[in-house]
C-alpha atoms as a PDB file:
ATOM      1  CA  MET A   1       9.190 -12.530   2.063  1.00  0.00           C
ATOM      2  CA  PHE A   2       7.499 -10.056   0.215  1.00  0.00           C
ATOM      3  CA  ILE A   3       5.209  -8.084   2.950  1.00  0.00           C
ATOM      4  CA  THR A   4       2.611  -5.274   2.114  1.00  0.00           C
ATOM      5  CA  PHE A   5       0.796  -2.826   3.890  1.00  0.00           C
ATOM      6  CA  GLU A   6      -2.485  -1.480   2.766  1.00  0.00           C
ATOM      7  CA  GLY A   7      -5.207   0.833   4.180  1.00  0.00           C
ATOM      8  CA  VAL A   8      -6.864   4.394   3.978  1.00  0.00           C
ATOM      9  CA  GLU A   9      -4.894   7.512   4.557  1.00  0.00           C
ATOM     10  CA  ALA A  10      -3.368   7.969   8.032  1.00  0.00           C
ATOM     11  CA  CYS A  11      -4.091   4.100   8.995  1.00  0.00           C
ATOM     12  CA  GLY A  12      -0.999   3.531  10.131  1.00  0.00           C
ATOM     13  CA  LYS A  13       0.726   1.622   7.814  1.00  0.00           C
ATOM     14  CA  SER A  14       3.782   3.631   7.249  1.00  0.00           C
ATOM     15  CA  THR A  15       4.420   3.702  10.664  1.00  0.00           C
ATOM     16  CA  GLN A  16       4.098   0.194  10.923  1.00  0.00           C
ATOM     17  CA  ALA A  17       6.304  -0.860   7.595  1.00  0.00           C
ATOM     18  CA  SER A  18       9.022   1.061   9.335  1.00  0.00           C
ATOM     19  CA  LEU A  19       8.934  -0.793  12.617  1.00  0.00           C
ATOM     20  CA  LEU A  20       8.622  -3.984  11.307  1.00  0.00           C
ATOM     21  CA  TYR A  21      11.536  -3.183   8.818  1.00  0.00           C
ATOM     22  CA  GLN A  22      13.506  -2.009  12.335  1.00  0.00           C
ATOM     23  CA  HIS A  23      12.615  -5.433  13.652  1.00  0.00           C
ATOM     24  CA  PHE A  24      14.208  -7.254  10.769  1.00  0.00           C
ATOM     25  CA  GLN A  25      17.709  -4.875  11.156  1.00  0.00           C
ATOM     26  CA  ASN A  26      17.699  -5.501  14.789  1.00  0.00           C
ATOM     27  CA  SER A  27      17.476  -9.254  14.268  1.00  0.00           C
ATOM     28  CA  HIS A  28      20.093  -9.278  11.653  1.00  0.00           C
ATOM     29  CA  LYS A  29      17.951  -9.976   9.021  1.00  0.00           C
ATOM     30  CA  LYS A  30      18.581  -9.026   5.089  1.00  0.00           C
ATOM     31  CA  SER A  31      15.626  -6.463   4.589  1.00  0.00           C
ATOM     32  CA  PHE A  32      14.664  -3.915   2.262  1.00  0.00           C
ATOM     33  CA  LEU A  33      11.883  -1.186   3.105  1.00  0.00           C
ATOM     34  CA  THR A  34      10.340   0.732   0.090  1.00  0.00           C
ATOM     35  CA  ARG A  35       7.056   2.403  -1.036  1.00  0.00           C
ATOM     36  CA  GLU A  36       4.491   2.717  -4.071  1.00  0.00           C
ATOM     37  CA  PRO A  37       4.823   5.087  -5.517  1.00  0.00           C
ATOM     38  CA  GLY A  38       8.112   6.369  -4.913  1.00  0.00           C
ATOM     39  CA  GLY A  39      11.725   5.004  -3.484  1.00  0.00           C
ATOM     40  CA  PHE A  40      13.628   5.470  -6.385  1.00  0.00           C
ATOM     41  CA  TYR A  41      15.143   7.782  -8.919  1.00  0.00           C
ATOM     42  CA  PHE A  42      12.239   9.052 -11.331  1.00  0.00           C
ATOM     43  CA  ALA A  43       9.674   7.487  -9.131  1.00  0.00           C
ATOM     44  CA  ASP A  44       9.373  10.441  -6.910  1.00  0.00           C
ATOM     45  CA  SER A  45       8.692  12.639  -9.481  1.00  0.00           C
ATOM     46  CA  ILE A  46       5.880  10.494 -10.641  1.00  0.00           C
ATOM     47  CA  ARG A  47       4.815  10.554  -7.222  1.00  0.00           C
ATOM     48  CA  ASP A  48       4.830  14.159  -6.995  1.00  0.00           C
ATOM     49  CA  ILE A  49       2.402  14.682 -10.467  1.00  0.00           C
ATOM     50  CA  LEU A  50       0.224  12.138  -8.692  1.00  0.00           C
ATOM     51  CA  LEU A  51       0.087  13.049  -4.844  1.00  0.00           C
ATOM     52  CA  HIS A  52       1.021  16.923  -4.649  1.00  0.00           C
ATOM     53  CA  ASN A  53       0.553  18.844  -7.987  1.00  0.00           C
ATOM     54  CA  ARG A  54      -2.335  20.443  -7.968  1.00  0.00           C
ATOM     55  CA  GLN A  55      -1.918  21.758 -11.205  1.00  0.00           C
ATOM     56  CA  ILE A  56      -2.545  18.196 -12.682  1.00  0.00           C
ATOM     57  CA  ASP A  57      -5.873  16.495 -12.751  1.00  0.00           C
ATOM     58  CA  LEU A  58      -5.543  13.323 -13.930  1.00  0.00           C
ATOM     59  CA  LEU A  59      -8.475  10.760 -15.305  1.00  0.00           C
ATOM     60  CA  ASP A  60      -8.533   7.372 -13.015  1.00  0.00           C
ATOM     61  CA  LYS A  61      -7.013   5.457 -15.941  1.00  0.00           C
ATOM     62  CA  SER A  62      -4.257   7.841 -16.435  1.00  0.00           C
ATOM     63  CA  ALA A  63      -3.094   7.820 -12.903  1.00  0.00           C
ATOM     64  CA  PHE A  64      -3.651   4.122 -12.690  1.00  0.00           C
ATOM     65  CA  LEU A  65      -1.220   3.885 -15.585  1.00  0.00           C
ATOM     66  CA  LEU A  66       1.424   5.971 -13.959  1.00  0.00           C
ATOM     67  CA  PHE A  67       1.315   4.006 -10.877  1.00  0.00           C
ATOM     68  CA  SER A  68       1.741   0.687 -13.257  1.00  0.00           C
ATOM     69  CA  ALA A  69       4.589   2.304 -15.135  1.00  0.00           C
ATOM     70  CA  VAL A  70       6.452   3.214 -11.745  1.00  0.00           C
ATOM     71  CA  ARG A  71       5.527  -0.204 -10.126  1.00  0.00           C
ATOM     72  CA  SER A  72       6.914  -2.181 -13.440  1.00  0.00           C
ATOM     73  CA  GLU A  73      10.449  -0.545 -12.906  1.00  0.00           C
ATOM     74  CA  HIS A  74      10.073  -0.966  -9.015  1.00  0.00           C
ATOM     75  CA  CYS A  75       9.664  -4.607  -9.382  1.00  0.00           C
ATOM     76  CA  ALA A  76      11.965  -5.601 -12.230  1.00  0.00           C
ATOM     77  CA  LYS A  77      14.938  -3.435 -10.581  1.00  0.00           C
ATOM     78  CA  TYR A  78      14.194  -3.205  -6.831  1.00  0.00           C
ATOM     79  CA  ILE A  79      11.805  -5.860  -5.237  1.00  0.00           C
ATOM     80  CA  LEU A  80      12.332  -8.873  -7.903  1.00  0.00           C
ATOM     81  CA  PRO A  81      16.415  -8.859  -7.201  1.00  0.00           C
ATOM     82  CA  LYS A  82      16.226  -8.291  -3.548  1.00  0.00           C
ATOM     83  CA  LEU A  83      13.662 -11.315  -2.799  1.00  0.00           C
ATOM     84  CA  GLN A  84      15.947 -13.428  -5.091  1.00  0.00           C
ATOM     85  CA  ASN A  85      18.749 -12.657  -2.869  1.00  0.00           C
ATOM     86  CA  GLY A  86      17.225 -13.411   0.369  1.00  0.00           C
ATOM     87  CA  TYR A  87      15.739 -10.110   1.501  1.00  0.00           C
ATOM     88  CA  GLN A  88      12.801  -9.559   3.540  1.00  0.00           C
ATOM     89  CA  VAL A  89      11.037  -7.012   1.362  1.00  0.00           C
ATOM     90  CA  VAL A  90       8.624  -4.567   3.186  1.00  0.00           C
ATOM     91  CA  CYS A  91       6.476  -2.192   0.906  1.00  0.00           C
ATOM     92  CA  ASP A  92       4.225   0.461   1.839  1.00  0.00           C
ATOM     93  CA  ARG A  93       1.423   0.037  -0.530  1.00  0.00           C
ATOM     94  CA  PHE A  94       1.479  -2.326  -3.376  1.00  0.00           C
ATOM     95  CA  SER A  95      -0.734  -3.295  -6.604  1.00  0.00           C
ATOM     96  CA  ASP A  96      -3.851  -3.995  -3.999  1.00  0.00           C
ATOM     97  CA  SER A  97      -3.993   0.032  -3.824  1.00  0.00           C
ATOM     98  CA  SER A  98      -4.306   0.199  -7.373  1.00  0.00           C
ATOM     99  CA  LEU A  99      -7.107  -2.378  -7.080  1.00  0.00           C
ATOM    100  CA  VAL A 100      -9.127  -0.456  -4.281  1.00  0.00           C
ATOM    101  CA  TYR A 101      -8.521   3.227  -5.339  1.00  0.00           C
ATOM    102  CA  GLN A 102      -8.853   3.204  -9.152  1.00  0.00           C
ATOM    103  CA  GLY A 103     -11.226  -0.004  -9.091  1.00  0.00           C
ATOM    104  CA  LEU A 104     -13.148  -1.091  -6.294  1.00  0.00           C
ATOM    105  CA  ALA A 105     -13.604   2.669  -4.814  1.00  0.00           C
ATOM    106  CA  GLY A 106     -12.946   4.170  -8.351  1.00  0.00           C
ATOM    107  CA  ASP A 107     -14.061   4.326 -12.101  1.00  0.00           C
ATOM    108  CA  LEU A 108     -12.053   1.336 -13.622  1.00  0.00           C
ATOM    109  CA  ALA A 109     -13.272  -2.242 -14.394  1.00  0.00           C
ATOM    110  CA  ILE A 110     -11.598  -4.775 -12.104  1.00  0.00           C
ATOM    111  CA  GLU A 111     -10.405  -7.153 -14.742  1.00  0.00           C
ATOM    112  CA  ASP A 112      -8.384  -4.783 -16.629  1.00  0.00           C
ATOM    113  CA  ILE A 113      -6.672  -3.835 -13.132  1.00  0.00           C
ATOM    114  CA  ASP A 114      -6.126  -7.054 -12.464  1.00  0.00           C
ATOM    115  CA  TRP A 115      -4.410  -7.900 -15.646  1.00  0.00           C
ATOM    116  CA  ILE A 116      -2.237  -4.674 -15.939  1.00  0.00           C
ATOM    117  CA  ASN A 117      -1.463  -5.320 -12.281  1.00  0.00           C
ATOM    118  CA  LYS A 118      -0.256  -8.824 -13.530  1.00  0.00           C
ATOM    119  CA  PHE A 119       1.712  -7.536 -16.271  1.00  0.00           C
ATOM    120  CA  SER A 120       3.524  -4.623 -14.299  1.00  0.00           C
ATOM    121  CA  THR A 121       4.622  -6.738 -11.454  1.00  0.00           C
ATOM    122  CA  SER A 122       5.418 -10.024 -13.715  1.00  0.00           C
ATOM    123  CA  GLY A 123       3.225 -11.790 -11.330  1.00  0.00           C
ATOM    124  CA  LEU A 124       4.506 -10.765  -8.505  1.00  0.00           C
ATOM    125  CA  THR A 125       2.089 -11.137  -5.550  1.00  0.00           C
ATOM    126  CA  PRO A 126       2.761 -10.360  -1.574  1.00  0.00           C
ATOM    127  CA  ASP A 127       3.074 -13.249   0.583  1.00  0.00           C
ATOM    128  CA  ILE A 128       1.259 -11.338   3.100  1.00  0.00           C
ATOM    129  CA  THR A 129      -0.599  -8.368   3.486  1.00  0.00           C
ATOM    130  CA  PHE A 130      -1.433  -6.286   6.553  1.00  0.00           C
ATOM    131  CA  TYR A 131      -4.677  -3.984   5.973  1.00  0.00           C
ATOM    132  CA  LEU A 132      -4.621  -1.406   9.108  1.00  0.00           C
ATOM    133  CA  ARG A 133      -8.470  -0.818   9.320  1.00  0.00           C
ATOM    134  CA  VAL A 134      -9.207   2.562  10.547  1.00  0.00           C
ATOM    135  CA  SER A 135     -13.233   4.088  10.837  1.00  0.00           C
ATOM    136  CA  LEU A 136     -13.810   6.908   8.675  1.00  0.00           C
ATOM    137  CA  GLN A 137     -14.198   9.575  11.783  1.00  0.00           C
ATOM    138  CA  GLU A 138     -10.646   7.869  12.866  1.00  0.00           C
ATOM    139  CA  SER A 139      -8.758   8.582   9.791  1.00  0.00           C
ATOM    140  CA  GLN A 140     -10.485  12.115   9.034  1.00  0.00           C
ATOM    141  CA  LYS A 141      -9.109  12.873  12.827  1.00  0.00           C
ATOM    142  CA  ARG A 142      -5.592  12.174  11.852  1.00  0.00           C
ATOM    143  CA  LEU A 143      -5.878  13.457   8.880  1.00  0.00           C
ATOM    144  CA  SER A 144      -6.807  17.030  10.352  1.00  0.00           C
ATOM    145  CA  THR A 145      -3.464  17.411  12.007  1.00  0.00           C
ATOM    146  CA  LYS A 146      -1.455  16.860   8.895  1.00  0.00           C
ATOM    147  CA  LYS A 147      -0.685  18.355   5.154  1.00  0.00           C
ATOM    148  CA  LYS A 148      -2.983  16.840   2.930  1.00  0.00           C
ATOM    149  CA  ASP A 149      -1.884  15.258  -0.440  1.00  0.00           C
ATOM    150  CA  LYS A 150      -4.603  14.903  -3.349  1.00  0.00           C
ATOM    151  CA  PHE A 151      -6.184  11.758  -2.509  1.00  0.00           C
ATOM    152  CA  GLU A 152      -6.028  12.693   1.135  1.00  0.00           C
ATOM    153  CA  GLN A 153      -7.958  15.659   0.363  1.00  0.00           C
ATOM    154  CA  ALA A 154     -11.070  13.644  -1.457  1.00  0.00           C
ATOM    155  CA  GLY A 155     -14.230  14.282   0.323  1.00  0.00           C
ATOM    156  CA  LEU A 156     -16.050  11.836   2.693  1.00  0.00           C
ATOM    157  CA  ASP A 157     -17.813  10.074   0.279  1.00  0.00           C
ATOM    158  CA  SER A 158     -14.607   8.858  -1.439  1.00  0.00           C
ATOM    159  CA  HIS A 159     -12.903   8.084   1.630  1.00  0.00           C
ATOM    160  CA  ARG A 160     -16.159   5.798   2.468  1.00  0.00           C
ATOM    161  CA  LYS A 161     -15.550   3.986  -0.662  1.00  0.00           C
ATOM    162  CA  LEU A 162     -12.364   3.449  -0.127  1.00  0.00           C
ATOM    163  CA  ILE A 163     -12.878   1.666   3.196  1.00  0.00           C
ATOM    164  CA  LYS A 164     -15.187  -0.451   1.827  1.00  0.00           C
ATOM    165  CA  GLY A 165     -13.129  -1.151  -0.895  1.00  0.00           C
ATOM    166  CA  PHE A 166     -10.278  -2.835   1.366  1.00  0.00           C
ATOM    167  CA  ASP A 167     -12.712  -4.657   3.222  1.00  0.00           C
ATOM    168  CA  GLU A 168     -13.795  -6.321   0.222  1.00  0.00           C
ATOM    169  CA  LEU A 169     -10.076  -6.675  -0.706  1.00  0.00           C
ATOM    170  CA  ALA A 170      -9.753  -8.705   2.366  1.00  0.00           C
ATOM    171  CA  GLN A 171     -12.787 -10.750   2.080  1.00  0.00           C
ATOM    172  CA  LEU A 172     -11.578 -11.434  -1.350  1.00  0.00           C
ATOM    173  CA  ASN A 173      -8.190 -12.655  -0.277  1.00  0.00           C
ATOM    174  CA  PRO A 174      -8.560 -13.930   3.444  1.00  0.00           C
ATOM    175  CA  GLU A 175      -5.500 -16.177   2.765  1.00  0.00           C
ATOM    176  CA  ARG A 176      -3.217 -13.674   2.120  1.00  0.00           C
ATOM    177  CA  VAL A 177      -4.482 -10.447   3.591  1.00  0.00           C
ATOM    178  CA  VAL A 178      -4.395  -9.790   7.660  1.00  0.00           C
ATOM    179  CA  VAL A 179      -7.015  -7.369   8.749  1.00  0.00           C
ATOM    180  CA  ILE A 180      -5.824  -5.389  11.996  1.00  0.00           C
ATOM    181  CA  ASP A 181      -7.805  -3.149  14.082  1.00  0.00           C
ATOM    182  CA  GLY A 182      -5.767   0.334  13.307  1.00  0.00           C
ATOM    183  CA  HIS A 183      -7.356   1.782  16.759  1.00  0.00           C
ATOM    184  CA  LEU A 184      -4.778  -0.074  18.841  1.00  0.00           C
ATOM    185  CA  PRO A 185      -1.719   1.361  20.121  1.00  0.00           C
ATOM    186  CA  VAL A 186       1.136   1.247  17.829  1.00  0.00           C
ATOM    187  CA  GLU A 187       3.124  -1.237  19.850  1.00  0.00           C
ATOM    188  CA  ALA A 188      -0.100  -3.466  19.896  1.00  0.00           C
ATOM    189  CA  ILE A 189      -0.559  -3.177  16.335  1.00  0.00           C
ATOM    190  CA  HIS A 190       3.433  -3.866  15.906  1.00  0.00           C
ATOM    191  CA  GLN A 191       3.164  -7.521  17.982  1.00  0.00           C
ATOM    192  CA  LYS A 192       0.050  -8.507  16.255  1.00  0.00           C
ATOM    193  CA  ILE A 193       1.956  -8.203  12.930  1.00  0.00           C
ATOM    194  CA  LEU A 194       5.008 -10.070  14.119  1.00  0.00           C
ATOM    195  CA  THR A 195       2.742 -12.692  15.744  1.00  0.00           C
ATOM    196  CA  ALA A 196       1.103 -13.062  12.081  1.00  0.00           C
ATOM    197  CA  LEU A 197       4.188 -13.477  10.583  1.00  0.00           C
ATOM    198  CA  LYS A 198       5.315 -16.230  12.918  1.00  0.00           C
ATOM    199  CA  ASP A 199       2.443 -18.025  12.134  1.00  0.00           C
ATOM    200  CA  LYS A 200       2.539 -17.448   8.422  1.00  0.00           C
END
């Protein structure tokens, strides 16, 4: 299965992706944990440009195309080969993030994002996506205790749009996107994820 985790900043998706990967490891299942953008050779350099380099201010279109270039390599050389060899692939963010950040909450046309997403992934779609939903207040509270990247430093209005965008994503894809209350304790969220996977 190809399993992805989505949500606004500090929703807990990275923690849950790691817990699920560890669950697969403990169950002696072939599994692969990765993230976007990043996780392989030049991708981390692009990640630094997109998330951390304060001197580079990219247009939404330019950022999306960089994300898509990394995603194309990621899919062709890592995700698809692992899936074809029977691995459970767990990914922290995928093409849904582009749809929300640069589309539903950004300035780009959804049709353009959708086409380029399909092109860069060779049509790969997650089998199941876990959207960890947290309130704007909870997200900001969690962010206040960490060093922020460029996306995390966006204003409240931007974060509000992102939550609305992820909510819309879930409504448009009810058969694939599982919404989980991100305010719950970490272990309770993990158990909900395991239950949803068994049901799937």
